[in-house]
Amino acid sequence: MLYAALCTDKPNALQIRLDTRPAHVAFLDALNARGMLALAGPFLGEDGKPTGSLVIVEAETLEEARAIFAEDPYAKADLFAAVEVKAWNWTFNKPDAGKGA
């Protein structure tokens, strides 16, 4: 099943995001290599700067998904003011079977 993490950055935390980004990208690359990452990317403010993240992974349970998201270097760096994890159904424009299905 797919699970989405909707993450909101703490105010004035852009430097934490920038400093932690290489480790965050490496973390997502590792999930992708294991076939667990469906998609990911930042939310942007009106100024075009990141204000949060959307990460969608494949996991067996909500608890497993939460454990995955807790290992994200952004989470470990205490970047987020809030993280909401929800089961998600990819209905339209999903890629071929095997990735995000």
N, C-alpha and C. Protein backbone atom coordinates (compact mmCIF):
# COMPACT_ATOMS: atom_id res chain seq x y z
N MET A 1 0.84 -1.17 0.00
CA MET A 1 0.00 0.00 0.00
C MET A 1 0.89 1.24 0.00
N LEU A 2 0.37 2.30 -0.57
CA LEU A 2 1.10 3.56 -0.59
C LEU A 2 0.71 4.44 0.59
N TYR A 3 1.71 5.13 1.13
CA TYR A 3 1.51 6.05 2.24
C TYR A 3 2.18 7.37 1.91
N ALA A 4 1.45 8.45 2.16
CA ALA A 4 1.96 9.79 1.90
C ALA A 4 2.30 10.47 3.22
N ALA A 5 3.45 11.11 3.26
CA ALA A 5 3.82 11.97 4.38
C ALA A 5 3.71 13.41 3.89
N LEU A 6 2.85 14.17 4.54
CA LEU A 6 2.70 15.60 4.25
C LEU A 6 3.42 16.33 5.37
N CYS A 7 4.52 16.94 5.04
CA CYS A 7 5.42 17.52 6.04
C CYS A 7 5.45 19.04 5.89
N THR A 8 5.30 19.72 7.01
CA THR A 8 5.36 21.18 7.03
C THR A 8 6.61 21.61 7.79
N ASP A 9 7.43 22.41 7.14
CA ASP A 9 8.66 22.89 7.78
C ASP A 9 8.34 23.84 8.93
N LYS A 10 9.23 23.86 9.90
CA LYS A 10 9.14 24.87 10.96
C LYS A 10 9.43 26.24 10.34
N PRO A 11 8.89 27.30 10.91
CA PRO A 11 9.20 28.64 10.41
C PRO A 11 10.71 28.91 10.50
N ASN A 12 11.22 29.62 9.52
CA ASN A 12 12.62 30.03 9.49
C ASN A 12 13.60 28.86 9.56
N ALA A 13 13.23 27.73 8.96
CA ALA A 13 14.07 26.53 9.01
C ALA A 13 14.73 26.22 7.67
N LEU A 14 14.75 27.18 6.76
CA LEU A 14 15.31 26.91 5.43
C LEU A 14 16.76 26.45 5.52
N GLN A 15 17.54 27.01 6.42
CA GLN A 15 18.95 26.62 6.51
C GLN A 15 19.11 25.17 6.95
N ILE A 16 18.23 24.71 7.85
CA ILE A 16 18.25 23.29 8.25
C ILE A 16 17.99 22.43 7.02
N ARG A 17 17.00 22.81 6.22
CA ARG A 17 16.68 22.07 4.99
C ARG A 17 17.87 22.04 4.06
N LEU A 18 18.49 23.19 3.83
CA LEU A 18 19.63 23.26 2.90
C LEU A 18 20.80 22.44 3.40
N ASP A 19 21.09 22.52 4.69
CA ASP A 19 22.22 21.79 5.27
C ASP A 19 22.01 20.28 5.22
N THR A 20 20.77 19.85 5.34
CA THR A 20 20.44 18.42 5.44
C THR A 20 20.08 17.81 4.09
N ARG A 21 19.91 18.62 3.07
CA ARG A 21 19.43 18.14 1.78
C ARG A 21 20.27 17.01 1.19
N PRO A 22 21.61 17.07 1.19
CA PRO A 22 22.36 15.95 0.61
C PRO A 22 22.04 14.60 1.27
N ALA A 23 21.92 14.58 2.59
CA ALA A 23 21.60 13.33 3.28
C ALA A 23 20.16 12.91 2.98
N HIS A 24 19.25 13.87 2.89
CA HIS A 24 17.85 13.59 2.55
C HIS A 24 17.76 12.97 1.15
N VAL A 25 18.46 13.54 0.19
CA VAL A 25 18.44 13.02 -1.18
C VAL A 25 19.03 11.61 -1.22
N ALA A 26 20.11 11.37 -0.49
CA ALA A 26 20.71 10.04 -0.43
C ALA A 26 19.71 9.03 0.17
N PHE A 27 18.98 9.46 1.19
CA PHE A 27 17.96 8.61 1.81
C PHE A 27 16.88 8.25 0.79
N LEU A 28 16.39 9.24 0.06
CA LEU A 28 15.37 8.97 -0.96
C LEU A 28 15.92 8.11 -2.09
N ASP A 29 17.17 8.33 -2.49
CA ASP A 29 17.79 7.48 -3.51
C ASP A 29 17.83 6.03 -3.06
N ALA A 30 18.13 5.80 -1.79
CA ALA A 30 18.18 4.43 -1.26
C ALA A 30 16.78 3.80 -1.27
N LEU A 31 15.77 4.56 -0.87
CA LEU A 31 14.40 4.04 -0.94
C LEU A 31 14.02 3.73 -2.38
N ASN A 32 14.40 4.60 -3.29
CA ASN A 32 14.09 4.39 -4.70
C ASN A 32 14.76 3.13 -5.23
N ALA A 33 16.00 2.92 -4.85
CA ALA A 33 16.75 1.74 -5.30
C ALA A 33 16.10 0.45 -4.79
N ARG A 34 15.43 0.54 -3.65
CA ARG A 34 14.74 -0.63 -3.08
C ARG A 34 13.31 -0.77 -3.61
N GLY A 35 12.90 0.13 -4.50
CA GLY A 35 11.56 0.07 -5.08
C GLY A 35 10.46 0.53 -4.15
N MET A 36 10.82 1.30 -3.13
CA MET A 36 9.84 1.73 -2.12
C MET A 36 9.35 3.16 -2.32
N LEU A 37 10.04 3.96 -3.10
CA LEU A 37 9.69 5.37 -3.27
C LEU A 37 8.80 5.53 -4.49
N ALA A 38 7.60 6.06 -4.27
CA ALA A 38 6.70 6.33 -5.40
C ALA A 38 6.99 7.71 -5.97
N LEU A 39 7.05 8.72 -5.11
CA LEU A 39 7.37 10.07 -5.55
C LEU A 39 7.71 10.93 -4.34
N ALA A 40 8.36 12.05 -4.62
CA ALA A 40 8.74 12.97 -3.54
C ALA A 40 9.06 14.33 -4.13
N GLY A 41 8.86 15.35 -3.31
CA GLY A 41 9.22 16.70 -3.72
C GLY A 41 8.78 17.70 -2.68
N PRO A 42 9.31 18.92 -2.78
CA PRO A 42 8.99 19.94 -1.79
C PRO A 42 7.72 20.72 -2.15
N PHE A 43 7.05 21.20 -1.11
CA PHE A 43 6.04 22.23 -1.29
C PHE A 43 6.77 23.56 -1.34
N LEU A 44 6.25 24.51 -2.12
CA LEU A 44 6.91 25.80 -2.29
C LEU A 44 6.01 26.92 -1.82
N GLY A 45 6.62 27.91 -1.18
CA GLY A 45 5.90 29.11 -0.79
C GLY A 45 5.77 30.06 -1.96
N GLU A 46 5.09 31.17 -1.75
CA GLU A 46 4.91 32.16 -2.80
C GLU A 46 6.24 32.71 -3.30
N ASP A 47 7.26 32.65 -2.47
CA ASP A 47 8.59 33.13 -2.87
C ASP A 47 9.39 32.06 -3.62
N GLY A 48 8.80 30.88 -3.82
CA GLY A 48 9.47 29.80 -4.53
C GLY A 48 10.39 28.96 -3.67
N LYS A 49 10.48 29.27 -2.38
CA LYS A 49 11.36 28.52 -1.47
C LYS A 49 10.57 27.39 -0.81
N PRO A 50 11.26 26.28 -0.51
CA PRO A 50 10.58 25.13 0.09
C PRO A 50 9.96 25.47 1.45
N THR A 51 8.76 24.93 1.67
CA THR A 51 8.06 25.11 2.94
C THR A 51 7.64 23.79 3.56
N GLY A 52 7.94 22.70 2.89
CA GLY A 52 7.56 21.38 3.38
C GLY A 52 7.87 20.34 2.33
N SER A 53 7.39 19.13 2.57
CA SER A 53 7.68 18.02 1.66
C SER A 53 6.47 17.12 1.51
N LEU A 54 6.39 16.48 0.35
CA LEU A 54 5.46 15.38 0.11
C LEU A 54 6.32 14.19 -0.30
N VAL A 55 6.21 13.11 0.46
CA VAL A 55 6.94 11.88 0.15
C VAL A 55 5.94 10.74 0.20
N ILE A 56 5.92 9.93 -0.85
CA ILE A 56 5.00 8.80 -0.91
C ILE A 56 5.82 7.53 -1.08
N VAL A 57 5.61 6.59 -0.15
CA VAL A 57 6.35 5.34 -0.17
C VAL A 57 5.40 4.16 -0.17
N GLU A 58 5.93 3.02 -0.57
CA GLU A 58 5.18 1.78 -0.49
C GLU A 58 5.63 1.06 0.78
N ALA A 59 4.66 0.65 1.60
CA ALA A 59 4.94 -0.05 2.85
C ALA A 59 3.80 -1.02 3.13
N GLU A 60 4.06 -1.98 4.00
CA GLU A 60 3.04 -2.97 4.35
C GLU A 60 1.98 -2.40 5.28
N THR A 61 2.40 -1.52 6.20
CA THR A 61 1.48 -1.00 7.21
C THR A 61 1.75 0.48 7.45
N LEU A 62 0.80 1.12 8.08
CA LEU A 62 0.98 2.51 8.48
C LEU A 62 2.16 2.66 9.43
N GLU A 63 2.31 1.72 10.33
CA GLU A 63 3.43 1.77 11.28
C GLU A 63 4.77 1.68 10.56
N GLU A 64 4.86 0.81 9.56
CA GLU A 64 6.10 0.70 8.78
C GLU A 64 6.37 2.00 8.04
N ALA A 65 5.34 2.59 7.46
CA ALA A 65 5.51 3.86 6.75
C ALA A 65 5.99 4.94 7.71
N ARG A 66 5.39 5.03 8.87
CA ARG A 66 5.83 6.02 9.86
C ARG A 66 7.29 5.80 10.26
N ALA A 67 7.69 4.54 10.39
CA ALA A 67 9.08 4.23 10.73
C ALA A 67 10.03 4.67 9.61
N ILE A 68 9.63 4.47 8.38
CA ILE A 68 10.44 4.91 7.23
C ILE A 68 10.59 6.43 7.27
N PHE A 69 9.48 7.14 7.42
CA PHE A 69 9.53 8.60 7.42
C PHE A 69 10.35 9.12 8.60
N ALA A 70 10.33 8.42 9.71
CA ALA A 70 11.10 8.86 10.89
C ALA A 70 12.60 8.77 10.65
N GLU A 71 13.01 7.94 9.70
CA GLU A 71 14.44 7.80 9.38
C GLU A 71 14.94 8.85 8.40
N ASP A 72 14.04 9.62 7.81
CA ASP A 72 14.43 10.67 6.87
C ASP A 72 15.34 11.67 7.60
N PRO A 73 16.47 12.00 7.03
CA PRO A 73 17.36 12.99 7.67
C PRO A 73 16.67 14.32 7.98
N TYR A 74 15.70 14.72 7.19
CA TYR A 74 14.96 15.94 7.52
C TYR A 74 14.23 15.77 8.85
N ALA A 75 13.59 14.63 9.05
CA ALA A 75 12.89 14.37 10.31
C ALA A 75 13.88 14.33 11.46
N LYS A 76 15.01 13.66 11.26
CA LYS A 76 16.03 13.56 12.31
C LYS A 76 16.64 14.92 12.64
N ALA A 77 16.67 15.83 11.67
CA ALA A 77 17.22 17.18 11.90
C ALA A 77 16.17 18.10 12.53
N ASP A 78 14.99 17.59 12.79
CA ASP A 78 13.91 18.35 13.42
C ASP A 78 13.46 19.52 12.54
N LEU A 79 13.44 19.29 11.23
CA LEU A 79 13.01 20.32 10.27
C LEU A 79 11.51 20.59 10.34
N PHE A 80 10.73 19.56 10.63
CA PHE A 80 9.29 19.66 10.45
C PHE A 80 8.55 20.12 11.70
N ALA A 81 7.59 21.03 11.49
CA ALA A 81 6.67 21.43 12.55
C ALA A 81 5.56 20.39 12.68
N ALA A 82 5.20 19.76 11.56
CA ALA A 82 4.14 18.75 11.56
C ALA A 82 4.37 17.76 10.43
N VAL A 83 4.03 16.50 10.70
CA VAL A 83 4.07 15.44 9.69
C VAL A 83 2.77 14.65 9.83
N GLU A 84 2.04 14.57 8.73
CA GLU A 84 0.82 13.77 8.70
C GLU A 84 1.04 12.62 7.72
N VAL A 85 0.81 11.39 8.17
CA VAL A 85 1.00 10.21 7.33
C VAL A 85 -0.37 9.60 7.08
N LYS A 86 -0.67 9.39 5.79
CA LYS A 86 -1.97 8.85 5.40
C LYS A 86 -1.79 7.79 4.31
N ALA A 87 -2.67 6.80 4.34
CA ALA A 87 -2.73 5.85 3.22
C ALA A 87 -3.20 6.63 2.00
N TRP A 88 -2.65 6.25 0.84
CA TRP A 88 -2.94 7.00 -0.38
C TRP A 88 -3.17 6.03 -1.54
N ASN A 89 -4.17 6.31 -2.35
CA ASN A 89 -4.51 5.49 -3.51
C ASN A 89 -4.18 6.25 -4.78
N TRP A 90 -3.22 5.76 -5.53
CA TRP A 90 -2.80 6.39 -6.78
C TRP A 90 -3.81 6.00 -7.85
N THR A 91 -4.72 6.91 -8.20
CA THR A 91 -5.82 6.60 -9.09
C THR A 91 -5.54 6.99 -10.54
N PHE A 92 -5.04 8.19 -10.77
CA PHE A 92 -4.81 8.67 -12.13
C PHE A 92 -3.32 8.85 -12.41
N ASN A 93 -2.95 8.59 -13.67
CA ASN A 93 -1.61 8.83 -14.18
C ASN A 93 -0.51 8.07 -13.45
N LYS A 94 -0.83 6.93 -12.89
CA LYS A 94 0.23 6.16 -12.25
C LYS A 94 1.04 5.44 -13.31
N PRO A 95 2.31 5.24 -13.03
CA PRO A 95 3.18 4.57 -14.01
C PRO A 95 2.81 3.10 -14.16
N ASP A 96 3.50 2.43 -15.05
CA ASP A 96 3.24 1.02 -15.30
C ASP A 96 3.31 0.21 -14.03
N ALA A 97 2.67 -0.94 -14.05
CA ALA A 97 2.63 -1.85 -12.91
C ALA A 97 4.04 -2.11 -12.39
N GLY A 98 4.15 -2.23 -11.08
CA GLY A 98 5.43 -2.50 -10.46
C GLY A 98 6.03 -1.28 -9.80
N LYS A 99 5.63 -0.10 -10.21
CA LYS A 99 6.15 1.13 -9.61
C LYS A 99 4.96 1.98 -9.23
N GLY A 100 4.70 2.12 -7.94
CA GLY A 100 3.60 2.91 -7.48
C GLY A 100 2.24 2.25 -7.64
N ALA A 101 2.23 0.96 -7.96
CA ALA A 101 0.95 0.26 -8.14
C ALA A 101 0.44 -0.28 -6.83
